[in-house]
PDB file of N, CA and C in Angstrom:
ATOM      1  N   MET A   1     -25.557   1.602   1.224  1.00  0.00           N
ATOM      2  CA  MET A   1     -26.390   2.761   1.445  1.00  0.00           C
ATOM      3  C   MET A   1     -25.851   3.901   0.599  1.00  0.00           C
ATOM      4  N   ALA A   2     -26.691   4.558  -0.181  1.00  0.00           N
ATOM      5  CA  ALA A   2     -26.290   5.675  -1.015  1.00  0.00           C
ATOM      6  C   ALA A   2     -26.066   6.907  -0.154  1.00  0.00           C
ATOM      7  N   GLU A   3     -25.125   7.749  -0.604  1.00  0.00           N
ATOM      8  CA  GLU A   3     -24.862   8.976   0.131  1.00  0.00           C
ATOM      9  C   GLU A   3     -25.929  10.005  -0.214  1.00  0.00           C
ATOM     10  N   ALA A   4     -26.400  10.698   0.796  1.00  0.00           N
ATOM     11  CA  ALA A   4     -27.389  11.747   0.600  1.00  0.00           C
ATOM     12  C   ALA A   4     -26.658  13.054   0.304  1.00  0.00           C
ATOM     13  N   THR A   5     -27.317  13.946  -0.420  1.00  0.00           N
ATOM     14  CA  THR A   5     -26.757  15.255  -0.728  1.00  0.00           C
ATOM     15  C   THR A   5     -27.661  16.311  -0.122  1.00  0.00           C
ATOM     16  N   VAL A   6     -27.044  17.294   0.547  1.00  0.00           N
ATOM     17  CA  VAL A   6     -27.784  18.366   1.183  1.00  0.00           C
ATOM     18  C   VAL A   6     -27.119  19.679   0.791  1.00  0.00           C
ATOM     19  N   GLY A   7     -27.921  20.625   0.328  1.00  0.00           N
ATOM     20  CA  GLY A   7     -27.393  21.944   0.019  1.00  0.00           C
ATOM     21  C   GLY A   7     -27.092  22.714   1.296  1.00  0.00           C
ATOM     22  N   ILE A   8     -26.197  23.709   1.191  1.00  0.00           N
ATOM     23  CA  ILE A   8     -25.790  24.462   2.374  1.00  0.00           C
ATOM     24  C   ILE A   8     -26.969  25.193   3.005  1.00  0.00           C
ATOM     25  N   ARG A   9     -27.887  25.703   2.212  1.00  0.00           N
ATOM     26  CA  ARG A   9     -29.052  26.406   2.767  1.00  0.00           C
ATOM     27  C   ARG A   9     -29.937  25.441   3.549  1.00  0.00           C
ATOM     28  N   GLU A  10     -30.178  24.255   2.983  1.00  0.00           N
ATOM     29  CA  GLU A  10     -30.974  23.252   3.702  1.00  0.00           C
ATOM     30  C   GLU A  10     -30.264  22.814   4.982  1.00  0.00           C
ATOM     31  N   LEU A  11     -28.944  22.693   4.930  1.00  0.00           N
ATOM     32  CA  LEU A  11     -28.185  22.333   6.124  1.00  0.00           C
ATOM     33  C   LEU A  11     -28.362  23.384   7.215  1.00  0.00           C
ATOM     34  N   ARG A  12     -28.279  24.661   6.850  1.00  0.00           N
ATOM     35  CA  ARG A  12     -28.471  25.727   7.840  1.00  0.00           C
ATOM     36  C   ARG A  12     -29.855  25.666   8.462  1.00  0.00           C
ATOM     37  N   ASN A  13     -30.867  25.374   7.648  1.00  0.00           N
ATOM     38  CA  ASN A  13     -32.241  25.349   8.150  1.00  0.00           C
ATOM     39  C   ASN A  13     -32.553  24.098   8.968  1.00  0.00           C
ATOM     40  N   GLN A  14     -31.846  23.004   8.716  1.00  0.00           N
ATOM     41  CA  GLN A  14     -32.172  21.731   9.374  1.00  0.00           C
ATOM     42  C   GLN A  14     -30.935  21.064   9.968  1.00  0.00           C
ATOM     43  N   VAL A  15     -30.054  21.846  10.560  1.00  0.00           N
ATOM     44  CA  VAL A  15     -28.783  21.304  11.027  1.00  0.00           C
ATOM     45  C   VAL A  15     -28.963  20.180  12.048  1.00  0.00           C
ATOM     46  N   ALA A  16     -29.875  20.313  12.984  1.00  0.00           N
ATOM     47  CA  ALA A  16     -30.058  19.268  14.005  1.00  0.00           C
ATOM     48  C   ALA A  16     -30.490  17.950  13.374  1.00  0.00           C
ATOM     49  N   ALA A  17     -31.422  18.012  12.428  1.00  0.00           N
ATOM     50  CA  ALA A  17     -31.903  16.786  11.783  1.00  0.00           C
ATOM     51  C   ALA A  17     -30.799  16.139  10.953  1.00  0.00           C
ATOM     52  N   VAL A  18     -29.997  16.935  10.259  1.00  0.00           N
ATOM     53  CA  VAL A  18     -28.920  16.393   9.424  1.00  0.00           C
ATOM     54  C   VAL A  18     -27.837  15.765  10.305  1.00  0.00           C
ATOM     55  N   VAL A  19     -27.506  16.414  11.426  1.00  0.00           N
ATOM     56  CA  VAL A  19     -26.502  15.859  12.334  1.00  0.00           C
ATOM     57  C   VAL A  19     -27.002  14.556  12.957  1.00  0.00           C
ATOM     58  N   ARG A  20     -28.288  14.485  13.265  1.00  0.00           N
ATOM     59  CA  ARG A  20     -28.846  13.219  13.787  1.00  0.00           C
ATOM     60  C   ARG A  20     -28.711  12.106  12.750  1.00  0.00           C
ATOM     61  N   ARG A  21     -28.964  12.426  11.485  1.00  0.00           N
ATOM     62  CA  ARG A  21     -28.810  11.415  10.423  1.00  0.00           C
ATOM     63  C   ARG A  21     -27.365  10.938  10.348  1.00  0.00           C
ATOM     64  N   ALA A  22     -26.419  11.865  10.469  1.00  0.00           N
ATOM     65  CA  ALA A  22     -25.001  11.491  10.448  1.00  0.00           C
ATOM     66  C   ALA A  22     -24.670  10.623  11.662  1.00  0.00           C
ATOM     67  N   HIS A  23     -25.215  10.975  12.809  1.00  0.00           N
ATOM     68  CA  HIS A  23     -25.002  10.186  14.028  1.00  0.00           C
ATOM     69  C   HIS A  23     -25.509   8.765  13.857  1.00  0.00           C
ATOM     70  N   ASP A  24     -26.594   8.607  13.117  1.00  0.00           N
ATOM     71  CA  ASP A  24     -27.187   7.286  12.889  1.00  0.00           C
ATOM     72  C   ASP A  24     -26.434   6.468  11.843  1.00  0.00           C
ATOM     73  N   GLY A  25     -25.340   7.031  11.298  1.00  0.00           N
ATOM     74  CA  GLY A  25     -24.504   6.257  10.379  1.00  0.00           C
ATOM     75  C   GLY A  25     -24.575   6.679   8.930  1.00  0.00           C
ATOM     76  N   GLU A  26     -25.391   7.647   8.607  1.00  0.00           N
ATOM     77  CA  GLU A  26     -25.533   8.077   7.217  1.00  0.00           C
ATOM     78  C   GLU A  26     -24.411   9.045   6.851  1.00  0.00           C
ATOM     79  N   ARG A  27     -23.876   8.907   5.658  1.00  0.00           N
ATOM     80  CA  ARG A  27     -22.888   9.854   5.130  1.00  0.00           C
ATOM     81  C   ARG A  27     -23.635  10.870   4.282  1.00  0.00           C
ATOM     82  N   ILE A  28     -23.413  12.139   4.560  1.00  0.00           N
ATOM     83  CA  ILE A  28     -24.156  13.201   3.897  1.00  0.00           C
ATOM     84  C   ILE A  28     -23.154  14.156   3.243  1.00  0.00           C
ATOM     85  N   ILE A  29     -23.321  14.382   1.944  1.00  0.00           N
ATOM     86  CA  ILE A  29     -22.483  15.305   1.196  1.00  0.00           C
ATOM     87  C   ILE A  29     -23.148  16.672   1.217  1.00  0.00           C
ATOM     88  N   VAL A  30     -22.387  17.705   1.608  1.00  0.00           N
ATOM     89  CA  VAL A  30     -22.893  19.072   1.639  1.00  0.00           C
ATOM     90  C   VAL A  30     -22.417  19.764   0.372  1.00  0.00           C
ATOM     91  N   THR A  31     -23.346  20.416  -0.338  1.00  0.00           N
ATOM     92  CA  THR A  31     -22.995  21.108  -1.569  1.00  0.00           C
ATOM     93  C   THR A  31     -23.143  22.616  -1.395  1.00  0.00           C
ATOM     94  N   VAL A  32     -22.295  23.344  -2.111  1.00  0.00           N
ATOM     95  CA  VAL A  32     -22.390  24.798  -2.197  1.00  0.00           C
ATOM     96  C   VAL A  32     -22.504  25.121  -3.677  1.00  0.00           C
ATOM     97  N   ASP A  33     -23.622  25.729  -4.049  1.00  0.00           N
ATOM     98  CA  ASP A  33     -23.916  26.007  -5.463  1.00  0.00           C
ATOM     99  C   ASP A  33     -23.834  24.745  -6.317  1.00  0.00           C
ATOM    100  N   GLY A  34     -24.285  23.616  -5.752  1.00  0.00           N
ATOM    101  CA  GLY A  34     -24.327  22.345  -6.484  1.00  0.00           C
ATOM    102  C   GLY A  34     -23.003  21.599  -6.527  1.00  0.00           C
ATOM    103  N   VAL A  35     -21.962  22.161  -5.944  1.00  0.00           N
ATOM    104  CA  VAL A  35     -20.647  21.522  -5.962  1.00  0.00           C
ATOM    105  C   VAL A  35     -20.398  20.837  -4.617  1.00  0.00           C
ATOM    106  N   PRO A  36     -20.112  19.525  -4.605  1.00  0.00           N
ATOM    107  CA  PRO A  36     -19.822  18.837  -3.341  1.00  0.00           C
ATOM    108  C   PRO A  36     -18.632  19.504  -2.648  1.00  0.00           C
ATOM    109  N   THR A  37     -18.844  19.877  -1.383  1.00  0.00           N
ATOM    110  CA  THR A  37     -17.839  20.652  -0.663  1.00  0.00           C
ATOM    111  C   THR A  37     -17.399  19.995   0.641  1.00  0.00           C
ATOM    112  N   ALA A  38     -18.303  19.333   1.327  1.00  0.00           N
ATOM    113  CA  ALA A  38     -17.978  18.734   2.626  1.00  0.00           C
ATOM    114  C   ALA A  38     -18.770  17.452   2.792  1.00  0.00           C
ATOM    115  N   GLN A  39     -18.379  16.694   3.787  1.00  0.00           N
ATOM    116  CA  GLN A  39     -19.066  15.436   4.082  1.00  0.00           C
ATOM    117  C   GLN A  39     -19.309  15.350   5.578  1.00  0.00           C
ATOM    118  N   LEU A  40     -20.507  14.974   5.956  1.00  0.00           N
ATOM    119  CA  LEU A  40     -20.850  14.710   7.356  1.00  0.00           C
ATOM    120  C   LEU A  40     -21.063  13.216   7.498  1.00  0.00           C
ATOM    121  N   GLY A  41     -20.639  12.678   8.629  1.00  0.00           N
ATOM    122  CA  GLY A  41     -20.836  11.260   8.874  1.00  0.00           C
ATOM    123  C   GLY A  41     -20.482  10.924  10.299  1.00  0.00           C
ATOM    124  N   PRO A  42     -20.652   9.674  10.667  1.00  0.00           N
ATOM    125  CA  PRO A  42     -20.342   9.257  12.037  1.00  0.00           C
ATOM    126  C   PRO A  42     -18.842   9.373  12.295  1.00  0.00           C
ATOM    127  N   ILE A  43     -18.484   9.612  13.539  1.00  0.00           N
ATOM    128  CA  ILE A  43     -17.082   9.710  13.919  1.00  0.00           C
ATOM    129  C   ILE A  43     -16.489   8.311  13.962  1.00  0.00           C
ATOM    130  N   SER A  44     -15.324   8.156  13.373  1.00  0.00           N
ATOM    131  CA  SER A  44     -14.618   6.879  13.426  1.00  0.00           C
ATOM    132  C   SER A  44     -13.938   6.750  14.774  1.00  0.00           C
ATOM    133  N   PRO A  45     -13.861   5.534  15.315  1.00  0.00           N
ATOM    134  CA  PRO A  45     -13.182   5.368  16.591  1.00  0.00           C
ATOM    135  C   PRO A  45     -11.703   5.714  16.459  1.00  0.00           C
ATOM    136  N   ALA A  46     -11.111   6.268  17.502  1.00  0.00           N
ATOM    137  CA  ALA A  46      -9.702   6.642  17.495  1.00  0.00           C
ATOM    138  C   ALA A  46      -8.827   5.401  17.613  1.00  0.00           C
ATOM    139  N   GLY A  47      -7.658   5.447  17.021  1.00  0.00           N
ATOM    140  CA  GLY A  47      -6.712   4.338  17.125  1.00  0.00           C
ATOM    141  C   GLY A  47      -7.093   3.174  16.227  1.00  0.00           C
ATOM    142  N   GLN A  48      -6.510   2.048  16.511  1.00  0.00           N
ATOM    143  CA  GLN A  48      -6.762   0.838  15.738  1.00  0.00           C
ATOM    144  C   GLN A  48      -8.148   0.291  16.058  1.00  0.00           C
ATOM    145  N   PRO A  49      -8.898  -0.129  15.040  1.00  0.00           N
ATOM    146  CA  PRO A  49     -10.211  -0.715  15.332  1.00  0.00           C
ATOM    147  C   PRO A  49     -10.065  -2.056  16.034  1.00  0.00           C
ATOM    148  N   THR A  50     -10.991  -2.334  16.924  1.00  0.00           N
ATOM    149  CA  THR A  50     -10.990  -3.622  17.618  1.00  0.00           C
ATOM    150  C   THR A  50     -11.690  -4.657  16.736  1.00  0.00           C
ATOM    151  N   LEU A  51     -11.586  -5.907  17.111  1.00  0.00           N
ATOM    152  CA  LEU A  51     -12.304  -6.954  16.372  1.00  0.00           C
ATOM    153  C   LEU A  51     -13.802  -6.690  16.401  1.00  0.00           C
ATOM    154  N   ALA A  52     -14.313  -6.208  17.541  1.00  0.00           N
ATOM    155  CA  ALA A  52     -15.741  -5.901  17.637  1.00  0.00           C
ATOM    156  C   ALA A  52     -16.126  -4.795  16.653  1.00  0.00           C
ATOM    157  N   ASP A  53     -15.248  -3.786  16.483  1.00  0.00           N
ATOM    158  CA  ASP A  53     -15.513  -2.721  15.519  1.00  0.00           C
ATOM    159  C   ASP A  53     -15.575  -3.277  14.104  1.00  0.00           C
ATOM    160  N   LEU A  54     -14.629  -4.153  13.749  1.00  0.00           N
ATOM    161  CA  LEU A  54     -14.589  -4.729  12.404  1.00  0.00           C
ATOM    162  C   LEU A  54     -15.785  -5.640  12.144  1.00  0.00           C
ATOM    163  N   ILE A  55     -16.202  -6.382  13.155  1.00  0.00           N
ATOM    164  CA  ILE A  55     -17.376  -7.251  13.013  1.00  0.00           C
ATOM    165  C   ILE A  55     -18.621  -6.392  12.831  1.00  0.00           C
ATOM    166  N   ALA A  56     -18.739  -5.314  13.635  1.00  0.00           N
ATOM    167  CA  ALA A  56     -19.904  -4.429  13.538  1.00  0.00           C
ATOM    168  C   ALA A  56     -19.970  -3.737  12.181  1.00  0.00           C
ATOM    169  N   ALA A  57     -18.803  -3.439  11.583  1.00  0.00           N
ATOM    170  CA  ALA A  57     -18.768  -2.790  10.275  1.00  0.00           C
ATOM    171  C   ALA A  57     -18.984  -3.780   9.139  1.00  0.00           C
ATOM    172  N   GLY A  58     -19.057  -5.079   9.463  1.00  0.00           N
ATOM    173  CA  GLY A  58     -19.274  -6.087   8.429  1.00  0.00           C
ATOM    174  C   GLY A  58     -18.012  -6.468   7.683  1.00  0.00           C
ATOM    175  N   LEU A  59     -16.843  -6.088   8.204  1.00  0.00           N
ATOM    176  CA  LEU A  59     -15.581  -6.395   7.544  1.00  0.00           C
ATOM    177  C   LEU A  59     -15.011  -7.742   7.967  1.00  0.00           C
ATOM    178  N   LEU A  60     -15.466  -8.264   9.101  1.00  0.00           N
ATOM    179  CA  LEU A  60     -15.079  -9.585   9.592  1.00  0.00           C
ATOM    180  C   LEU A  60     -16.319 -10.333  10.044  1.00  0.00           C
ATOM    181  N   MET A  61     -16.205 -11.650  10.047  1.00  0.00           N
ATOM    182  CA  MET A  61     -17.288 -12.473  10.580  1.00  0.00           C
ATOM    183  C   MET A  61     -16.884 -12.940  11.966  1.00  0.00           C
ATOM    184  N   ALA A  62     -17.840 -12.979  12.873  1.00  0.00           N
ATOM    185  CA  ALA A  62     -17.586 -13.472  14.225  1.00  0.00           C
ATOM    186  C   ALA A  62     -17.264 -14.958  14.154  1.00  0.00           C
ATOM    187  N   PRO A  63     -16.397 -15.452  15.041  1.00  0.00           N
ATOM    188  CA  PRO A  63     -16.077 -16.885  15.026  1.00  0.00           C
ATOM    189  C   PRO A  63     -17.318 -17.721  15.326  1.00  0.00           C
ATOM    190  N   ARG A  64     -17.380 -18.870  14.704  1.00  0.00           N
ATOM    191  CA  ARG A  64     -18.535 -19.757  14.895  1.00  0.00           C
ATOM    192  C   ARG A  64     -18.441 -20.541  16.188  1.00  0.00           C
ATOM    193  N   ALA A  65     -17.222 -20.832  16.633  1.00  0.00           N
ATOM    194  CA  ALA A  65     -17.033 -21.600  17.867  1.00  0.00           C
ATOM    195  C   ALA A  65     -15.841 -21.026  18.607  1.00  0.00           C
ATOM    196  N   THR A  66     -15.840 -21.229  19.899  1.00  0.00           N
ATOM    197  CA  THR A  66     -14.713 -20.765  20.685  1.00  0.00           C
ATOM    198  C   THR A  66     -13.628 -21.820  20.719  1.00  0.00           C
ATOM    199  N   ARG A  67     -12.404 -21.377  20.904  1.00  0.00           N
ATOM    200  CA  ARG A  67     -11.293 -22.312  21.004  1.00  0.00           C
ATOM    201  C   ARG A  67     -11.205 -22.826  22.431  1.00  0.00           C
ATOM    202  N   PRO A  68     -10.720 -24.051  22.606  1.00  0.00           N
ATOM    203  CA  PRO A  68     -10.551 -24.560  23.963  1.00  0.00           C
ATOM    204  C   PRO A  68      -9.519 -23.709  24.704  1.00  0.00           C
ATOM    205  N   SER A  69      -9.678 -23.605  26.013  1.00  0.00           N
ATOM    206  CA  SER A  69      -8.783 -22.763  26.798  1.00  0.00           C
ATOM    207  C   SER A  69      -7.388 -23.366  26.904  1.00  0.00           C
ATOM    208  N   GLN A  70      -7.269 -24.678  26.832  1.00  0.00           N
ATOM    209  CA  GLN A  70      -5.965 -25.325  26.878  1.00  0.00           C
ATOM    210  C   GLN A  70      -5.850 -26.273  25.706  1.00  0.00           C
ATOM    211  N   VAL A  71      -4.684 -26.282  25.121  1.00  0.00           N
ATOM    212  CA  VAL A  71      -4.426 -27.145  23.973  1.00  0.00           C
ATOM    213  C   VAL A  71      -3.608 -28.336  24.462  1.00  0.00           C
ATOM    214  N   ALA A  72      -3.982 -29.528  24.020  1.00  0.00           N
ATOM    215  CA  ALA A  72      -3.254 -30.739  24.407  1.00  0.00           C
ATOM    216  C   ALA A  72      -1.876 -30.731  23.756  1.00  0.00           C
ATOM    217  N   PRO A  73      -0.821 -31.173  24.479  1.00  0.00           N
ATOM    218  CA  PRO A  73       0.531 -31.210  23.900  1.00  0.00           C
ATOM    219  C   PRO A  73       0.603 -32.232  22.773  1.00  0.00           C
ATOM    220  N   VAL A  74       1.462 -31.955  21.825  1.00  0.00           N
ATOM    221  CA  VAL A  74       1.647 -32.835  20.671  1.00  0.00           C
ATOM    222  C   VAL A  74       3.070 -33.360  20.703  1.00  0.00           C
ATOM    223  N   SER A  75       3.245 -34.656  20.463  1.00  0.00           N
ATOM    224  CA  SER A  75       4.568 -35.266  20.439  1.00  0.00           C
ATOM    225  C   SER A  75       5.263 -34.901  19.139  1.00  0.00           C
ATOM    226  N   LEU A  76       6.541 -34.481  19.238  1.00  0.00           N
ATOM    227  CA  LEU A  76       7.323 -34.116  18.062  1.00  0.00           C
ATOM    228  C   LEU A  76       8.491 -35.077  17.894  1.00  0.00           C
ATOM    229  N   GLY A  77       8.204 -36.330  17.758  1.00  0.00           N
ATOM    230  CA  GLY A  77       9.235 -37.324  17.505  1.00  0.00           C
ATOM    231  C   GLY A  77      10.107 -37.653  18.706  1.00  0.00           C
ATOM    232  N   GLY A  78       9.576 -37.615  19.919  1.00  0.00           N
ATOM    233  CA  GLY A  78      10.307 -38.032  21.095  1.00  0.00           C
ATOM    234  C   GLY A  78      10.969 -36.906  21.865  1.00  0.00           C
ATOM    235  N   ARG A  79      11.168 -35.756  21.298  1.00  0.00           N
ATOM    236  CA  ARG A  79      11.798 -34.651  22.015  1.00  0.00           C
ATOM    237  C   ARG A  79      10.719 -33.743  22.587  1.00  0.00           C
ATOM    238  N   SER A  80      10.901 -33.365  23.818  1.00  0.00           N
ATOM    239  CA  SER A  80       9.905 -32.504  24.450  1.00  0.00           C
ATOM    240  C   SER A  80      10.168 -31.030  24.166  1.00  0.00           C
ATOM    241  N   THR A  81      11.455 -30.686  23.924  1.00  0.00           N
ATOM    242  CA  THR A  81      11.789 -29.306  23.573  1.00  0.00           C
ATOM    243  C   THR A  81      12.714 -29.324  22.373  1.00  0.00           C
ATOM    244  N   PRO A  82      12.636 -28.321  21.541  1.00  0.00           N
ATOM    245  CA  PRO A  82      13.550 -28.301  20.387  1.00  0.00           C
ATOM    246  C   PRO A  82      14.980 -28.071  20.866  1.00  0.00           C
ATOM    247  N   SER A  83      15.929 -28.718  20.188  1.00  0.00           N
ATOM    248  CA  SER A  83      17.332 -28.534  20.547  1.00  0.00           C
ATOM    249  C   SER A  83      17.852 -27.261  19.912  1.00  0.00           C
ATOM    250  N   ARG A  84      18.830 -26.654  20.585  1.00  0.00           N
ATOM    251  CA  ARG A  84      19.453 -25.430  20.055  1.00  0.00           C
ATOM    252  C   ARG A  84      20.937 -25.696  19.844  1.00  0.00           C
ATOM    253  N   ARG A  85      21.422 -25.134  18.776  1.00  0.00           N
ATOM    254  CA  ARG A  85      22.865 -25.234  18.526  1.00  0.00           C
ATOM    255  C   ARG A  85      23.519 -23.964  19.024  1.00  0.00           C
ATOM    256  N   ASP A  86      24.620 -24.140  19.735  1.00  0.00           N
ATOM    257  CA  ASP A  86      25.377 -22.975  20.187  1.00  0.00           C
ATOM    258  C   ASP A  86      26.292 -22.527  19.055  1.00  0.00           C
ATOM    259  N   THR A  87      26.299 -21.244  18.803  1.00  0.00           N
ATOM    260  CA  THR A  87      27.172 -20.740  17.732  1.00  0.00           C
ATOM    261  C   THR A  87      28.203 -19.807  18.265  1.00  0.00           C
TER     262      THR A  87
END
């Protein structure tokens, strides 16, 4: 999506409409005398993004299948637990 540009005078006259556009996910560059000065856009979630946030942003793909709740044990050559050496 291309960023929209709005002059400061237009922003003053249509602030509610411009803020609604930002709320809907659009990034809007505000210019003063034709010079980009500020940017309006949606608020980013605080803290680390969750997997749902990353999937919604298109940065990750949702898993195709779920993992089983329990995994079957695997034999590791006859030992049930790894041995530890005392040092």
